PDB file of N, CA and C in Angstrom:
ATOM      1  N   HIS A   1     -10.676 -26.120  14.053  1.00  0.00           N
ATOM      2  CA  HIS A   1      -9.444 -25.375  14.179  1.00  0.00           C
ATOM      3  C   HIS A   1      -8.950 -24.906  12.814  1.00  0.00           C
ATOM      4  N   LYS A   2      -9.137 -25.735  11.773  1.00  0.00           N
ATOM      5  CA  LYS A   2      -8.686 -25.356  10.437  1.00  0.00           C
ATOM      6  C   LYS A   2      -9.431 -24.127   9.936  1.00  0.00           C
ATOM      7  N   VAL A   3     -10.729 -24.070  10.172  1.00  0.00           N
ATOM      8  CA  VAL A   3     -11.524 -22.924   9.747  1.00  0.00           C
ATOM      9  C   VAL A   3     -11.080 -21.676  10.502  1.00  0.00           C
ATOM     10  N   ALA A   4     -10.877 -21.804  11.787  1.00  0.00           N
ATOM     11  CA  ALA A   4     -10.425 -20.659  12.586  1.00  0.00           C
ATOM     12  C   ALA A   4      -9.050 -20.184  12.131  1.00  0.00           C
ATOM     13  N   ASP A   5      -8.155 -21.116  11.830  1.00  0.00           N
ATOM     14  CA  ASP A   5      -6.825 -20.744  11.337  1.00  0.00           C
ATOM     15  C   ASP A   5      -6.915 -20.031   9.996  1.00  0.00           C
ATOM     16  N   ALA A   6      -7.767 -20.537   9.107  1.00  0.00           N
ATOM     17  CA  ALA A   6      -7.925 -19.910   7.792  1.00  0.00           C
ATOM     18  C   ALA A   6      -8.502 -18.502   7.924  1.00  0.00           C
ATOM     19  N   LEU A   7      -9.483 -18.332   8.795  1.00  0.00           N
ATOM     20  CA  LEU A   7     -10.060 -17.011   9.005  1.00  0.00           C
ATOM     21  C   LEU A   7      -9.047 -16.044   9.609  1.00  0.00           C
ATOM     22  N   GLU A   8      -8.252 -16.522  10.528  1.00  0.00           N
ATOM     23  CA  GLU A   8      -7.223 -15.680  11.144  1.00  0.00           C
ATOM     24  C   GLU A   8      -6.181 -15.260  10.110  1.00  0.00           C
ATOM     25  N   ALA A   9      -5.778 -16.184   9.254  1.00  0.00           N
ATOM     26  CA  ALA A   9      -4.796 -15.856   8.210  1.00  0.00           C
ATOM     27  C   ALA A   9      -5.360 -14.819   7.253  1.00  0.00           C
ATOM     28  N   ARG A  10      -6.617 -14.966   6.863  1.00  0.00           N
ATOM     29  CA  ARG A  10      -7.253 -14.000   5.966  1.00  0.00           C
ATOM     30  C   ARG A  10      -7.361 -12.640   6.640  1.00  0.00           C
ATOM     31  N   THR A  11      -7.755 -12.622   7.901  1.00  0.00           N
ATOM     32  CA  THR A  11      -7.875 -11.370   8.646  1.00  0.00           C
ATOM     33  C   THR A  11      -6.523 -10.688   8.780  1.00  0.00           C
ATOM     34  N   ARG A  12      -5.495 -11.473   9.041  1.00  0.00           N
ATOM     35  CA  ARG A  12      -4.145 -10.926   9.173  1.00  0.00           C
ATOM     36  C   ARG A  12      -3.696 -10.278   7.852  1.00  0.00           C
ATOM     37  N   ARG A  13      -4.005 -10.914   6.732  1.00  0.00           N
ATOM     38  CA  ARG A  13      -3.623 -10.366   5.416  1.00  0.00           C
ATOM     39  C   ARG A  13      -4.387  -9.077   5.119  1.00  0.00           C
ATOM     40  N   VAL A  14      -5.668  -9.045   5.454  1.00  0.00           N
ATOM     41  CA  VAL A  14      -6.456  -7.834   5.228  1.00  0.00           C
ATOM     42  C   VAL A  14      -5.912  -6.687   6.080  1.00  0.00           C
ATOM     43  N   ARG A  15      -5.581  -6.987   7.342  1.00  0.00           N
ATOM     44  CA  ARG A  15      -5.003  -5.944   8.208  1.00  0.00           C
ATOM     45  C   ARG A  15      -3.678  -5.444   7.655  1.00  0.00           C
ATOM     46  N   ALA A  16      -2.855  -6.354   7.149  1.00  0.00           N
ATOM     47  CA  ALA A  16      -1.564  -5.948   6.581  1.00  0.00           C
ATOM     48  C   ALA A  16      -1.769  -5.098   5.331  1.00  0.00           C
ATOM     49  N   ALA A  17      -2.730  -5.460   4.497  1.00  0.00           N
ATOM     50  CA  ALA A  17      -3.018  -4.677   3.291  1.00  0.00           C
ATOM     51  C   ALA A  17      -3.534  -3.290   3.658  1.00  0.00           C
ATOM     52  N   ASP A  18      -4.405  -3.220   4.652  1.00  0.00           N
ATOM     53  CA  ASP A  18      -4.916  -1.924   5.104  1.00  0.00           C
ATOM     54  C   ASP A  18      -3.800  -1.059   5.676  1.00  0.00           C
ATOM     55  N   ALA A  19      -2.908  -1.666   6.435  1.00  0.00           N
ATOM     56  CA  ALA A  19      -1.786  -0.923   7.006  1.00  0.00           C
ATOM     57  C   ALA A  19      -0.856  -0.425   5.911  1.00  0.00           C
ATOM     58  N   ALA A  20      -0.619  -1.260   4.900  1.00  0.00           N
ATOM     59  CA  ALA A  20       0.239  -0.843   3.787  1.00  0.00           C
ATOM     60  C   ALA A  20      -0.394   0.325   3.046  1.00  0.00           C
ATOM     61  N   ALA A  21      -1.689   0.269   2.834  1.00  0.00           N
ATOM     62  CA  ALA A  21      -2.374   1.355   2.133  1.00  0.00           C
ATOM     63  C   ALA A  21      -2.358   2.637   2.951  1.00  0.00           C
ATOM     64  N   ALA A  22      -2.467   2.505   4.265  1.00  0.00           N
ATOM     65  CA  ALA A  22      -2.475   3.690   5.122  1.00  0.00           C
ATOM     66  C   ALA A  22      -1.106   4.359   5.184  1.00  0.00           C
ATOM     67  N   HIS A  23      -0.039   3.562   5.169  1.00  0.00           N
ATOM     68  CA  HIS A  23       1.300   4.125   5.298  1.00  0.00           C
ATOM     69  C   HIS A  23       1.887   4.597   3.978  1.00  0.00           C
ATOM     70  N   HIS A  24       1.445   4.023   2.868  1.00  0.00           N
ATOM     71  CA  HIS A  24       2.004   4.373   1.560  1.00  0.00           C
ATOM     72  C   HIS A  24       0.888   4.535   0.524  1.00  0.00           C
ATOM     73  N   PRO A  25      -0.060   5.428   0.737  1.00  0.00           N
ATOM     74  CA  PRO A  25      -1.198   5.491  -0.186  1.00  0.00           C
ATOM     75  C   PRO A  25      -0.816   5.898  -1.606  1.00  0.00           C
ATOM     76  N   ASP A  26       0.104   6.838  -1.772  1.00  0.00           N
ATOM     77  CA  ASP A  26       0.445   7.294  -3.111  1.00  0.00           C
ATOM     78  C   ASP A  26       1.384   6.333  -3.825  1.00  0.00           C
ATOM     79  N   ALA A  27       2.257   5.668  -3.093  1.00  0.00           N
ATOM     80  CA  ALA A  27       3.226   4.762  -3.711  1.00  0.00           C
ATOM     81  C   ALA A  27       2.615   3.407  -4.044  1.00  0.00           C
ATOM     82  N   LEU A  28       1.521   3.051  -3.388  1.00  0.00           N
ATOM     83  CA  LEU A  28       0.987   1.711  -3.543  1.00  0.00           C
ATOM     84  C   LEU A  28      -0.169   1.606  -4.522  1.00  0.00           C
ATOM     85  N   ALA A  29      -0.939   2.623  -4.651  1.00  0.00           N
ATOM     86  CA  ALA A  29      -2.095   2.554  -5.534  1.00  0.00           C
ATOM     87  C   ALA A  29      -1.833   3.397  -6.772  1.00  0.00           C
ATOM     88  N   HIS A  30      -2.028   2.802  -7.928  1.00  0.00           N
ATOM     89  CA  HIS A  30      -1.867   3.507  -9.185  1.00  0.00           C
ATOM     90  C   HIS A  30      -3.250   3.775  -9.749  1.00  0.00           C
ATOM     91  N   PRO A  31      -3.673   5.043  -9.812  1.00  0.00           N
ATOM     92  CA  PRO A  31      -5.023   5.349 -10.291  1.00  0.00           C
ATOM     93  C   PRO A  31      -5.266   4.776 -11.691  1.00  0.00           C
ATOM     94  N   GLY A  32      -6.419   4.162 -11.844  1.00  0.00           N
ATOM     95  CA  GLY A  32      -6.819   3.651 -13.133  1.00  0.00           C
ATOM     96  C   GLY A  32      -6.247   2.285 -13.475  1.00  0.00           C
ATOM     97  N   SER A  33      -5.317   1.784 -12.690  1.00  0.00           N
ATOM     98  CA  SER A  33      -4.711   0.502 -13.029  1.00  0.00           C
ATOM     99  C   SER A  33      -5.400  -0.666 -12.326  1.00  0.00           C
ATOM    100  N   GLY A  34      -6.309  -0.365 -11.410  1.00  0.00           N
ATOM    101  CA  GLY A  34      -7.014  -1.429 -10.714  1.00  0.00           C
ATOM    102  C   GLY A  34      -6.214  -2.051  -9.592  1.00  0.00           C
ATOM    103  N   THR A  35      -5.075  -1.459  -9.237  1.00  0.00           N
ATOM    104  CA  THR A  35      -4.296  -2.016  -8.138  1.00  0.00           C
ATOM    105  C   THR A  35      -4.739  -1.358  -6.847  1.00  0.00           C
ATOM    106  N   GLY A  36      -4.824  -2.167  -5.836  1.00  0.00           N
ATOM    107  CA  GLY A  36      -5.226  -1.670  -4.538  1.00  0.00           C
ATOM    108  C   GLY A  36      -4.290  -2.173  -3.475  1.00  0.00           C
ATOM    109  N   PRO A  37      -4.734  -2.124  -2.236  1.00  0.00           N
ATOM    110  CA  PRO A  37      -3.881  -2.539  -1.126  1.00  0.00           C
ATOM    111  C   PRO A  37      -3.397  -3.985  -1.217  1.00  0.00           C
ATOM    112  N   GLU A  38      -4.229  -4.905  -1.696  1.00  0.00           N
ATOM    113  CA  GLU A  38      -3.805  -6.311  -1.802  1.00  0.00           C
ATOM    114  C   GLU A  38      -2.644  -6.459  -2.781  1.00  0.00           C
ATOM    115  N   GLN A  39      -2.777  -5.836  -3.947  1.00  0.00           N
ATOM    116  CA  GLN A  39      -1.714  -5.924  -4.940  1.00  0.00           C
ATOM    117  C   GLN A  39      -0.470  -5.186  -4.458  1.00  0.00           C
ATOM    118  N   ALA A  40      -0.672  -4.080  -3.757  1.00  0.00           N
ATOM    119  CA  ALA A  40       0.458  -3.324  -3.215  1.00  0.00           C
ATOM    120  C   ALA A  40       1.206  -4.157  -2.178  1.00  0.00           C
ATOM    121  N   LEU A  41       0.469  -4.855  -1.348  1.00  0.00           N
ATOM    122  CA  LEU A  41       1.096  -5.725  -0.349  1.00  0.00           C
ATOM    123  C   LEU A  41       1.894  -6.834  -1.034  1.00  0.00           C
ATOM    124  N   ASP A  42       1.339  -7.394  -2.090  1.00  0.00           N
ATOM    125  CA  ASP A  42       2.074  -8.420  -2.850  1.00  0.00           C
ATOM    126  C   ASP A  42       3.371  -7.856  -3.409  1.00  0.00           C
ATOM    127  N   ARG A  43       3.313  -6.636  -3.947  1.00  0.00           N
ATOM    128  CA  ARG A  43       4.526  -6.006  -4.485  1.00  0.00           C
ATOM    129  C   ARG A  43       5.555  -5.777  -3.391  1.00  0.00           C
ATOM    130  N   LEU A  44       5.106  -5.317  -2.228  1.00  0.00           N
ATOM    131  CA  LEU A  44       6.032  -5.088  -1.125  1.00  0.00           C
ATOM    132  C   LEU A  44       6.681  -6.387  -0.649  1.00  0.00           C
ATOM    133  N   LEU A  45       5.888  -7.448  -0.560  1.00  0.00           N
ATOM    134  CA  LEU A  45       6.431  -8.743  -0.153  1.00  0.00           C
ATOM    135  C   LEU A  45       7.451  -9.249  -1.175  1.00  0.00           C
ATOM    136  N   LEU A  46       7.137  -9.093  -2.452  1.00  0.00           N
ATOM    137  CA  LEU A  46       8.059  -9.535  -3.495  1.00  0.00           C
ATOM    138  C   LEU A  46       9.355  -8.734  -3.448  1.00  0.00           C
ATOM    139  N   LEU A  47       9.260  -7.418  -3.283  1.00  0.00           N
ATOM    140  CA  LEU A  47      10.466  -6.591  -3.204  1.00  0.00           C
ATOM    141  C   LEU A  47      11.325  -6.971  -2.002  1.00  0.00           C
ATOM    142  N   ALA A  48      10.684  -7.269  -0.888  1.00  0.00           N
ATOM    143  CA  ALA A  48      11.437  -7.672   0.302  1.00  0.00           C
ATOM    144  C   ALA A  48      12.164  -8.989   0.062  1.00  0.00           C
ATOM    145  N   GLU A  49      11.507  -9.926  -0.599  1.00  0.00           N
ATOM    146  CA  GLU A  49      12.145 -11.215  -0.876  1.00  0.00           C
ATOM    147  C   GLU A  49      13.248 -11.071  -1.923  1.00  0.00           C
ATOM    148  N   LEU A  50      13.040 -10.213  -2.904  1.00  0.00           N
ATOM    149  CA  LEU A  50      14.095  -9.960  -3.891  1.00  0.00           C
ATOM    150  C   LEU A  50      15.340  -9.386  -3.213  1.00  0.00           C
ATOM    151  N   ALA A  51      15.140  -8.523  -2.238  1.00  0.00           N
ATOM    152  CA  ALA A  51      16.268  -7.908  -1.537  1.00  0.00           C
ATOM    153  C   ALA A  51      17.089  -8.933  -0.764  1.00  0.00           C
ATOM    154  N   ARG A  52      16.468 -10.040  -0.395  1.00  0.00           N
ATOM    155  CA  ARG A  52      17.174 -11.081   0.363  1.00  0.00           C
ATOM    156  C   ARG A  52      18.026 -11.994  -0.516  1.00  0.00           C
ATOM    157  N   LEU A  53      17.773 -11.970  -1.817  1.00  0.00           N
ATOM    158  CA  LEU A  53      18.525 -12.837  -2.727  1.00  0.00           C
ATOM    159  C   LEU A  53      19.964 -12.349  -2.860  1.00  0.00           C
ATOM    160  N   PRO A  54      20.886 -13.261  -3.162  1.00  0.00           N
ATOM    161  CA  PRO A  54      22.249 -12.831  -3.478  1.00  0.00           C
ATOM    162  C   PRO A  54      22.208 -11.872  -4.679  1.00  0.00           C
ATOM    163  N   SER A  55      23.139 -10.945  -4.735  1.00  0.00           N
ATOM    164  CA  SER A  55      23.086  -9.888  -5.751  1.00  0.00           C
ATOM    165  C   SER A  55      23.082 -10.439  -7.183  1.00  0.00           C
ATOM    166  N   ALA A  56      23.835 -11.483  -7.455  1.00  0.00           N
ATOM    167  CA  ALA A  56      23.875 -12.031  -8.815  1.00  0.00           C
ATOM    168  C   ALA A  56      22.512 -12.590  -9.215  1.00  0.00           C
ATOM    169  N   GLN A  57      21.862 -13.305  -8.308  1.00  0.00           N
ATOM    170  CA  GLN A  57      20.539 -13.857  -8.604  1.00  0.00           C
ATOM    171  C   GLN A  57      19.509 -12.745  -8.759  1.00  0.00           C
ATOM    172  N   ARG A  58      19.577 -11.758  -7.870  1.00  0.00           N
ATOM    173  CA  ARG A  58      18.635 -10.628  -7.943  1.00  0.00           C
ATOM    174  C   ARG A  58      18.802  -9.891  -9.270  1.00  0.00           C
ATOM    175  N   ARG A  59      20.046  -9.673  -9.681  1.00  0.00           N
ATOM    176  CA  ARG A  59      20.300  -8.944 -10.922  1.00  0.00           C
ATOM    177  C   ARG A  59      19.732  -9.700 -12.118  1.00  0.00           C
ATOM    178  N   VAL A  60      19.944 -11.014 -12.165  1.00  0.00           N
ATOM    179  CA  VAL A  60      19.432 -11.818 -13.270  1.00  0.00           C
ATOM    180  C   VAL A  60      17.902 -11.754 -13.317  1.00  0.00           C
ATOM    181  N   LEU A  61      17.252 -11.901 -12.175  1.00  0.00           N
ATOM    182  CA  LEU A  61      15.784 -11.840 -12.158  1.00  0.00           C
ATOM    183  C   LEU A  61      15.267 -10.471 -12.566  1.00  0.00           C
ATOM    184  N   CYS A  62      15.905  -9.422 -12.064  1.00  0.00           N
ATOM    185  CA  CYS A  62      15.456  -8.072 -12.408  1.00  0.00           C
ATOM    186  C   CYS A  62      15.626  -7.795 -13.895  1.00  0.00           C
ATOM    187  N   LEU A  63      16.722  -8.243 -14.474  1.00  0.00           N
ATOM    188  CA  LEU A  63      16.909  -8.060 -15.920  1.00  0.00           C
ATOM    189  C   LEU A  63      15.870  -8.842 -16.713  1.00  0.00           C
ATOM    190  N   ALA A  64      15.528 -10.032 -16.233  1.00  0.00           N
ATOM    191  CA  ALA A  64      14.541 -10.856 -16.936  1.00  0.00           C
ATOM    192  C   ALA A  64      13.141 -10.268 -16.840  1.00  0.00           C
ATOM    193  N   PHE A  65      12.729  -9.882 -15.643  1.00  0.00           N
ATOM    194  CA  PHE A  65      11.347  -9.474 -15.449  1.00  0.00           C
ATOM    195  C   PHE A  65      11.114  -7.987 -15.655  1.00  0.00           C
ATOM    196  N   TYR A  66      11.988  -7.161 -15.145  1.00  0.00           N
ATOM    197  CA  TYR A  66      11.801  -5.722 -15.298  1.00  0.00           C
ATOM    198  C   TYR A  66      12.410  -5.218 -16.603  1.00  0.00           C
ATOM    199  N   GLY A  67      13.497  -5.856 -17.048  1.00  0.00           N
ATOM    200  CA  GLY A  67      14.122  -5.458 -18.300  1.00  0.00           C
ATOM    201  C   GLY A  67      13.585  -6.207 -19.505  1.00  0.00           C
ATOM    202  N   ASP A  68      12.762  -7.235 -19.259  1.00  0.00           N
ATOM    203  CA  ASP A  68      12.141  -8.038 -20.303  1.00  0.00           C
ATOM    204  C   ASP A  68      13.194  -8.633 -21.245  1.00  0.00           C
ATOM    205  N   LEU A  69      14.283  -9.148 -20.657  1.00  0.00           N
ATOM    206  CA  LEU A  69      15.358  -9.747 -21.435  1.00  0.00           C
ATOM    207  C   LEU A  69      15.295 -11.270 -21.353  1.00  0.00           C
ATOM    208  N   THR A  70      15.738 -11.926 -22.411  1.00  0.00           N
ATOM    209  CA  THR A  70      15.841 -13.389 -22.397  1.00  0.00           C
ATOM    210  C   THR A  70      17.112 -13.770 -21.640  1.00  0.00           C
ATOM    211  N   GLN A  71      17.234 -15.040 -21.344  1.00  0.00           N
ATOM    212  CA  GLN A  71      18.428 -15.490 -20.639  1.00  0.00           C
ATOM    213  C   GLN A  71      19.677 -15.276 -21.486  1.00  0.00           C
ATOM    214  N   ALA A  72      19.582 -15.479 -22.795  1.00  0.00           N
ATOM    215  CA  ALA A  72      20.724 -15.243 -23.681  1.00  0.00           C
ATOM    216  C   ALA A  72      21.105 -13.760 -23.689  1.00  0.00           C
ATOM    217  N   GLN A  73      20.119 -12.880 -23.704  1.00  0.00           N
ATOM    218  CA  GLN A  73      20.396 -11.441 -23.666  1.00  0.00           C
ATOM    219  C   GLN A  73      21.034 -11.044 -22.345  1.00  0.00           C
ATOM    220  N   ILE A  74      20.585 -11.654 -21.252  1.00  0.00           N
ATOM    221  CA  ILE A  74      21.168 -11.367 -19.939  1.00  0.00           C
ATOM    222  C   ILE A  74      22.626 -11.811 -19.918  1.00  0.00           C
ATOM    223  N   ALA A  75      22.900 -12.989 -20.478  1.00  0.00           N
ATOM    224  CA  ALA A  75      24.274 -13.480 -20.533  1.00  0.00           C
ATOM    225  C   ALA A  75      25.155 -12.519 -21.335  1.00  0.00           C
ATOM    226  N   ASP A  76      24.652 -12.032 -22.458  1.00  0.00           N
ATOM    227  CA  ASP A  76      25.416 -11.072 -23.269  1.00  0.00           C
ATOM    228  C   ASP A  76      25.654  -9.772 -22.511  1.00  0.00           C
ATOM    229  N   ARG A  77      24.621  -9.281 -21.860  1.00  0.00           N
ATOM    230  CA  ARG A  77      24.724  -7.988 -21.165  1.00  0.00           C
ATOM    231  C   ARG A  77      25.638  -8.061 -19.946  1.00  0.00           C
ATOM    232  N   THR A  78      25.571  -9.154 -19.198  1.00  0.00           N
ATOM    233  CA  THR A  78      26.340  -9.255 -17.955  1.00  0.00           C
ATOM    234  C   THR A  78      27.717  -9.879 -18.146  1.00  0.00           C
ATOM    235  N   GLY A  79      27.910 -10.592 -19.256  1.00  0.00           N
ATOM    236  CA  GLY A  79      29.162 -11.291 -19.468  1.00  0.00           C
ATOM    237  C   GLY A  79      29.229 -12.630 -18.750  1.00  0.00           C
ATOM    238  N   LEU A  80      28.137 -13.050 -18.146  1.00  0.00           N
ATOM    239  CA  LEU A  80      28.080 -14.348 -17.481  1.00  0.00           C
ATOM    240  C   LEU A  80      27.809 -15.434 -18.512  1.00  0.00           C
ATOM    241  N   PRO A  81      28.318 -16.635 -18.280  1.00  0.00           N
ATOM    242  CA  PRO A  81      27.964 -17.747 -19.173  1.00  0.00           C
ATOM    243  C   PRO A  81      26.460 -18.023 -19.104  1.00  0.00           C
ATOM    244  N   LEU A  82      25.889 -18.472 -20.218  1.00  0.00           N
ATOM    245  CA  LEU A  82      24.454 -18.737 -20.277  1.00  0.00           C
ATOM    246  C   LEU A  82      24.033 -19.745 -19.212  1.00  0.00           C
ATOM    247  N   GLY A  83      24.815 -20.787 -18.997  1.00  0.00           N
ATOM    248  CA  GLY A  83      24.487 -21.780 -17.970  1.00  0.00           C
ATOM    249  C   GLY A  83      24.427 -21.176 -16.579  1.00  0.00           C
ATOM    250  N   THR A  84      25.301 -20.217 -16.297  1.00  0.00           N
ATOM    251  CA  THR A  84      25.296 -19.537 -14.993  1.00  0.00           C
ATOM    252  C   THR A  84      24.038 -18.698 -14.845  1.00  0.00           C
ATOM    253  N   VAL A  85      23.653 -18.007 -15.910  1.00  0.00           N
ATOM    254  CA  VAL A  85      22.419 -17.207 -15.878  1.00  0.00           C
ATOM    255  C   VAL A  85      21.229 -18.112 -15.597  1.00  0.00           C
ATOM    256  N   LYS A  86      21.173 -19.247 -16.283  1.00  0.00           N
ATOM    257  CA  LYS A  86      20.062 -20.188 -16.077  1.00  0.00           C
ATOM    258  C   LYS A  86      20.055 -20.729 -14.651  1.00  0.00           C
ATOM    259  N   SER A  87      21.234 -21.041 -14.121  1.00  0.00           N
ATOM    260  CA  SER A  87      21.320 -21.550 -12.743  1.00  0.00           C
ATOM    261  C   SER A  87      20.886 -20.493 -11.736  1.00  0.00           C
ATOM    262  N   HIS A  88      21.358 -19.260 -11.916  1.00  0.00           N
ATOM    263  CA  HIS A  88      20.954 -18.174 -11.012  1.00  0.00           C
ATOM    264  C   HIS A  88      19.442 -17.994 -11.033  1.00  0.00           C
ATOM    265  N   MET A  89      18.872 -18.021 -12.231  1.00  0.00           N
ATOM    266  CA  MET A  89      17.429 -17.818 -12.346  1.00  0.00           C
ATOM    267  C   MET A  89      16.660 -18.960 -11.685  1.00  0.00           C
ATOM    268  N   ARG A  90      17.082 -20.196 -11.928  1.00  0.00           N
ATOM    269  CA  ARG A  90      16.385 -21.350 -11.345  1.00  0.00           C
ATOM    270  C   ARG A  90      16.452 -21.315  -9.822  1.00  0.00           C
ATOM    271  N   ARG A  91      17.640 -21.048  -9.279  1.00  0.00           N
ATOM    272  CA  ARG A  91      17.790 -20.996  -7.817  1.00  0.00           C
ATOM    273  C   ARG A  91      16.968 -19.855  -7.222  1.00  0.00           C
ATOM    274  N   ALA A  92      17.029 -18.692  -7.842  1.00  0.00           N
ATOM    275  CA  ALA A  92      16.296 -17.532  -7.323  1.00  0.00           C
ATOM    276  C   ALA A  92      14.794 -17.764  -7.347  1.00  0.00           C
ATOM    277  N   LEU A  93      14.291 -18.321  -8.443  1.00  0.00           N
ATOM    278  CA  LEU A  93      12.850 -18.595  -8.525  1.00  0.00           C
ATOM    279  C   LEU A  93      12.425 -19.633  -7.490  1.00  0.00           C
ATOM    280  N   GLY A  94      13.279 -20.608  -7.238  1.00  0.00           N
ATOM    281  CA  GLY A  94      12.979 -21.601  -6.205  1.00  0.00           C
ATOM    282  C   GLY A  94      12.890 -20.978  -4.823  1.00  0.00           C
ATOM    283  N   VAL A  95      13.821 -20.076  -4.528  1.00  0.00           N
ATOM    284  CA  VAL A  95      13.807 -19.392  -3.230  1.00  0.00           C
ATOM    285  C   VAL A  95      12.549 -18.535  -3.107  1.00  0.00           C
ATOM    286  N   LEU A  96      12.220 -17.792  -4.169  1.00  0.00           N
ATOM    287  CA  LEU A  96      11.016 -16.952  -4.128  1.00  0.00           C
ATOM    288  C   LEU A  96       9.757 -17.797  -3.985  1.00  0.00           C
ATOM    289  N   ARG A  97       9.708 -18.912  -4.669  1.00  0.00           N
ATOM    290  CA  ARG A  97       8.535 -19.791  -4.577  1.00  0.00           C
ATOM    291  C   ARG A  97       8.324 -20.252  -3.141  1.00  0.00           C
ATOM    292  N   LEU A  98       9.396 -20.704  -2.509  1.00  0.00           N
ATOM    293  CA  LEU A  98       9.276 -21.171  -1.126  1.00  0.00           C
ATOM    294  C   LEU A  98       8.900 -20.037  -0.178  1.00  0.00           C
ATOM    295  N   ALA A  99       9.444 -18.859  -0.412  1.00  0.00           N
ATOM    296  CA  ALA A  99       9.193 -17.737   0.486  1.00  0.00           C
ATOM    297  C   ALA A  99       7.798 -17.153   0.323  1.00  0.00           C
ATOM    298  N   LEU A 100       7.255 -17.189  -0.891  1.00  0.00           N
ATOM    299  CA  LEU A 100       6.012 -16.471  -1.159  1.00  0.00           C
ATOM    300  C   LEU A 100       4.771 -17.357  -1.251  1.00  0.00           C
ATOM    301  N   GLU A 101       4.943 -18.673  -1.390  1.00  0.00           N
ATOM    302  CA  GLU A 101       3.747 -19.491  -1.475  1.00  0.00           C
ATOM    303  C   GLU A 101       3.098 -19.579  -0.100  1.00  0.00           C
ATOM    304  N   PRO A 102       1.775 -19.583  -0.083  1.00  0.00           N
ATOM    305  CA  PRO A 102       1.092 -19.657   1.216  1.00  0.00           C
ATOM    306  C   PRO A 102       1.425 -20.957   1.923  1.00  0.00           C
ATOM    307  N   SER A 103       1.685 -20.852   3.187  1.00  0.00           N
ATOM    308  CA  SER A 103       1.990 -22.063   3.945  1.00  0.00           C
ATOM    309  C   SER A 103       0.695 -22.738   4.360  1.00  0.00           C
ATOM    310  N   PRO A 104       0.667 -24.053   4.335  1.00  0.00           N
ATOM    311  CA  PRO A 104      -0.551 -24.755   4.754  1.00  0.00           C
ATOM    312  C   PRO A 104      -0.788 -24.540   6.240  1.00  0.00           C
ATOM    313  N   PRO A 105      -2.051 -24.522   6.651  1.00  0.00           N
ATOM    314  CA  PRO A 105      -2.344 -24.348   8.075  1.00  0.00           C
ATOM    315  C   PRO A 105      -1.732 -25.496   8.893  1.00  0.00           C
ATOM    316  N   ALA A 106      -1.342 -25.169  10.074  1.00  0.00           N
ATOM    317  CA  ALA A 106      -0.733 -26.171  10.949  1.00  0.00           C
ATOM    318  C   ALA A 106      -1.770 -27.235  11.310  1.00  0.00           C
ATOM    319  N   ARG A 107      -1.331 -28.472  11.322  1.00  0.00           N
ATOM    320  CA  ARG A 107      -2.216 -29.580  11.688  1.00  0.00           C
ATOM    321  C   ARG A 107      -2.264 -29.694  13.197  1.00  0.00           C
ATOM    322  N   ARG A 108      -3.427 -29.950  13.692  1.00  0.00           N
ATOM    323  CA  ARG A 108      -3.600 -30.083  15.138  1.00  0.00           C
ATOM    324  C   ARG A 108      -4.157 -31.432  15.471  1.00  0.00           C
TER     325      ARG A 108
END
């Protein structure tokens, strides 16, 4: 059953990647960058999970990762205390970790 579950999960991911590539071919693949449907699907999943975060946590993460800012720089830019920035980042990363890590196959 474990092998069948693993194969089904892999097949489901491949189908989702193919569907993502079919529906968004120009937005998902960047020529020359080596990104394909699998990486595009990962980006879509991450964006969906980011959208679910509270706005303060999402803003802190986006400034850190997309703006390439340190936590101190984020605190200066947003006017939030440094401890609050660190707390928002820790909570947001924890939520993303739980949402995006592969779940173990169900035991039978």
